[in-house]
Amino acid sequence: MRVEFLCKNYNASDKLKDVIRRKIDKLDKFFENETTVKVVLKETKDVETMEVTVNLTGCFIRGEVTGDNMYDNIDLVLPKLEKQIIKHHNKIKSKKGNVKDLDVYAVE
């Protein structure tokens, strides 16, 4: 999985990038081929925003979280993305029927 970072009005440390990369790599179990993930880190008026966009073939899955701390934001955005990925996978599976089964359940 390839992770790209874009920072707007925010200086991301190497430690933060490593934590984000390590946590996003856990989503790799959902994908069979190489996937690109774009992470946008922004800060406006003491509020930090994280946008994560997963580029799949034919669609994009996106999650956005605003909070006081980027380390907390990554923990909040991952369940959102996981839920959307599972929903998308089930949608494709019902249409085609030949997609590999996922043995995970959506986080609610």
C-alpha atoms as a PDB file:
ATOM      1  CA  MET A   1       0.000   0.000   0.000  1.00  0.00           C
ATOM      2  CA  ARG A   2       1.399   3.372  -1.010  1.00  0.00           C
ATOM      3  CA  VAL A   3       0.686   6.281   1.357  1.00  0.00           C
ATOM      4  CA  GLU A   4       1.043   9.873   0.149  1.00  0.00           C
ATOM      5  CA  PHE A   5       1.045  12.821   2.558  1.00  0.00           C
ATOM      6  CA  LEU A   6      -0.067  16.372   1.834  1.00  0.00           C
ATOM      7  CA  CYS A   7       0.238  18.972   4.601  1.00  0.00           C
ATOM      8  CA  LYS A   8      -1.570  22.304   4.485  1.00  0.00           C
ATOM      9  CA  ASN A   9      -0.636  24.812   7.214  1.00  0.00           C
ATOM     10  CA  TYR A  10       0.651  21.878   9.268  1.00  0.00           C
ATOM     11  CA  ASN A  11       4.124  20.495   9.927  1.00  0.00           C
ATOM     12  CA  ALA A  12       3.864  16.740  10.310  1.00  0.00           C
ATOM     13  CA  SER A  13       6.689  15.070  12.193  1.00  0.00           C
ATOM     14  CA  ASP A  14       8.313  11.866  10.991  1.00  0.00           C
ATOM     15  CA  LYS A  15       6.921  10.092  14.053  1.00  0.00           C
ATOM     16  CA  LEU A  16       3.348  11.101  13.136  1.00  0.00           C
ATOM     17  CA  LYS A  17       3.835   9.958   9.534  1.00  0.00           C
ATOM     18  CA  ASP A  18       5.178   6.597  10.730  1.00  0.00           C
ATOM     19  CA  VAL A  19       2.205   6.115  13.075  1.00  0.00           C
ATOM     20  CA  ILE A  20      -0.272   6.994  10.310  1.00  0.00           C
ATOM     21  CA  ARG A  21       1.498   4.731   7.806  1.00  0.00           C
ATOM     22  CA  ARG A  22       1.593   1.820  10.268  1.00  0.00           C
ATOM     23  CA  LYS A  23      -2.114   2.141  11.115  1.00  0.00           C
ATOM     24  CA  ILE A  24      -3.202   2.542   7.495  1.00  0.00           C
ATOM     25  CA  ASP A  25      -1.207  -0.556   6.545  1.00  0.00           C
ATOM     26  CA  LYS A  26      -3.715  -2.551   8.613  1.00  0.00           C
ATOM     27  CA  LEU A  27      -6.283  -1.818   5.886  1.00  0.00           C
ATOM     28  CA  ASP A  28      -4.095  -3.710   3.418  1.00  0.00           C
ATOM     29  CA  LYS A  29      -5.919  -6.957   4.275  1.00  0.00           C
ATOM     30  CA  PHE A  30      -8.934  -5.678   2.307  1.00  0.00           C
ATOM     31  CA  PHE A  31      -7.092  -5.191  -0.989  1.00  0.00           C
ATOM     32  CA  GLU A  32      -5.572  -7.685  -3.384  1.00  0.00           C
ATOM     33  CA  ASN A  33      -3.552  -5.272  -5.510  1.00  0.00           C
ATOM     34  CA  GLU A  34      -1.427  -2.198  -4.832  1.00  0.00           C
ATOM     35  CA  THR A  35      -3.614   0.617  -3.514  1.00  0.00           C
ATOM     36  CA  THR A  36      -2.862   4.323  -3.143  1.00  0.00           C
ATOM     37  CA  VAL A  37      -3.908   6.177   0.004  1.00  0.00           C
ATOM     38  CA  LYS A  38      -3.750   9.969   0.151  1.00  0.00           C
ATOM     39  CA  VAL A  39      -3.586  11.588   3.607  1.00  0.00           C
ATOM     40  CA  VAL A  40      -4.221  15.333   3.889  1.00  0.00           C
ATOM     41  CA  LEU A  41      -3.284  17.017   7.189  1.00  0.00           C
ATOM     42  CA  LYS A  42      -4.616  20.541   7.751  1.00  0.00           C
ATOM     43  CA  GLU A  43      -4.701  23.010  10.604  1.00  0.00           C
ATOM     44  CA  THR A  44      -7.038  26.000  10.810  1.00  0.00           C
ATOM     45  CA  LYS A  45      -7.600  28.095  13.920  1.00  0.00           C
ATOM     46  CA  ASP A  46      -6.213  25.511  16.388  1.00  0.00           C
ATOM     47  CA  VAL A  47      -8.372  22.726  14.866  1.00  0.00           C
ATOM     48  CA  GLU A  48      -6.608  19.873  13.104  1.00  0.00           C
ATOM     49  CA  THR A  49      -8.272  18.014  10.237  1.00  0.00           C
ATOM     50  CA  MET A  50      -7.287  14.699   8.697  1.00  0.00           C
ATOM     51  CA  GLU A  51      -8.666  13.520   5.359  1.00  0.00           C
ATOM     52  CA  VAL A  52      -7.877  10.002   4.159  1.00  0.00           C
ATOM     53  CA  THR A  53      -8.772   8.978   0.606  1.00  0.00           C
ATOM     54  CA  VAL A  54      -8.358   5.407  -0.644  1.00  0.00           C
ATOM     55  CA  ASN A  55      -8.114   5.141  -4.426  1.00  0.00           C
ATOM     56  CA  LEU A  56      -9.632   1.852  -5.564  1.00  0.00           C
ATOM     57  CA  THR A  57     -10.152   0.886  -9.165  1.00  0.00           C
ATOM     58  CA  GLY A  58     -13.418   2.514 -10.093  1.00  0.00           C
ATOM     59  CA  CYS A  59     -14.159   4.353  -6.852  1.00  0.00           C
ATOM     60  CA  PHE A  60     -12.798   6.428  -4.011  1.00  0.00           C
ATOM     61  CA  ILE A  61     -13.373   5.825  -0.316  1.00  0.00           C
ATOM     62  CA  ARG A  62     -12.919   8.895   1.847  1.00  0.00           C
ATOM     63  CA  GLY A  63     -13.015   9.705   5.545  1.00  0.00           C
ATOM     64  CA  GLU A  64     -12.549  13.044   7.289  1.00  0.00           C
ATOM     65  CA  VAL A  65     -12.143  13.824  10.977  1.00  0.00           C
ATOM     66  CA  THR A  66     -11.634  17.122  12.782  1.00  0.00           C
ATOM     67  CA  GLY A  67     -10.217  17.304  16.282  1.00  0.00           C
ATOM     68  CA  ASP A  68      -7.573  18.698  18.595  1.00  0.00           C
ATOM     69  CA  ASN A  69      -4.913  16.050  17.976  1.00  0.00           C
ATOM     70  CA  MET A  70      -3.789  14.203  14.835  1.00  0.00           C
ATOM     71  CA  TYR A  71      -2.961  11.078  16.845  1.00  0.00           C
ATOM     72  CA  ASP A  72      -6.593  10.899  17.979  1.00  0.00           C
ATOM     73  CA  ASN A  73      -7.855  11.710  14.486  1.00  0.00           C
ATOM     74  CA  ILE A  74      -6.208   8.656  12.927  1.00  0.00           C
ATOM     75  CA  ASP A  75      -7.925   6.428  15.498  1.00  0.00           C
ATOM     76  CA  LEU A  76     -11.287   7.975  14.603  1.00  0.00           C
ATOM     77  CA  VAL A  77     -10.981   7.881  10.815  1.00  0.00           C
ATOM     78  CA  LEU A  78      -9.894   4.242  10.447  1.00  0.00           C
ATOM     79  CA  PRO A  79     -13.193   2.665  11.624  1.00  0.00           C
ATOM     80  CA  LYS A  80     -15.065   4.938   9.207  1.00  0.00           C
ATOM     81  CA  LEU A  81     -12.906   3.799   6.308  1.00  0.00           C
ATOM     82  CA  GLU A  82     -13.137   0.156   7.328  1.00  0.00           C
ATOM     83  CA  LYS A  83     -16.922   0.316   7.426  1.00  0.00           C
ATOM     84  CA  GLN A  84     -17.073   1.911   3.965  1.00  0.00           C
ATOM     85  CA  ILE A  85     -14.637  -0.632   2.521  1.00  0.00           C
ATOM     86  CA  ILE A  86     -16.700  -3.547   3.818  1.00  0.00           C
ATOM     87  CA  LYS A  87     -19.892  -1.966   2.484  1.00  0.00           C
ATOM     88  CA  HIS A  88     -18.290  -1.448  -0.938  1.00  0.00           C
ATOM     89  CA  HIS A  89     -16.925  -5.003  -0.954  1.00  0.00           C
ATOM     90  CA  ASN A  90     -20.347  -6.472  -0.136  1.00  0.00           C
ATOM     91  CA  LYS A  91     -21.950  -4.358  -2.859  1.00  0.00           C
ATOM     92  CA  ILE A  92     -19.514  -5.664  -5.468  1.00  0.00           C
ATOM     93  CA  LYS A  93     -19.872  -9.214  -4.180  1.00  0.00           C
ATOM     94  CA  SER A  94     -23.643  -9.122  -4.553  1.00  0.00           C
ATOM     95  CA  LYS A  95     -23.329  -7.877  -8.135  1.00  0.00           C
ATOM     96  CA  LYS A  96     -20.547 -10.149  -9.367  1.00  0.00           C
ATOM     97  CA  GLY A  97     -20.512 -13.077  -6.972  1.00  0.00           C
ATOM     98  CA  ASN A  98     -16.876 -14.006  -7.583  1.00  0.00           C
ATOM     99  CA  VAL A  99     -15.149 -11.616  -5.173  1.00  0.00           C
ATOM    100  CA  LYS A 100     -13.027 -13.051  -2.369  1.00  0.00           C
ATOM    101  CA  ASP A 101     -14.939 -13.245   0.940  1.00  0.00           C
ATOM    102  CA  LEU A 102     -13.896 -11.023   3.829  1.00  0.00           C
ATOM    103  CA  ASP A 103     -13.896 -12.591   7.272  1.00  0.00           C
ATOM    104  CA  VAL A 104     -14.216  -9.275   9.076  1.00  0.00           C
ATOM    105  CA  TYR A 105     -17.182  -7.348  10.329  1.00  0.00           C
ATOM    106  CA  ALA A 106     -17.868  -3.644  10.171  1.00  0.00           C
ATOM    107  CA  VAL A 107     -17.003  -1.590  13.218  1.00  0.00           C
ATOM    108  CA  GLU A 108     -20.003   0.337  14.458  1.00  0.00           C
END
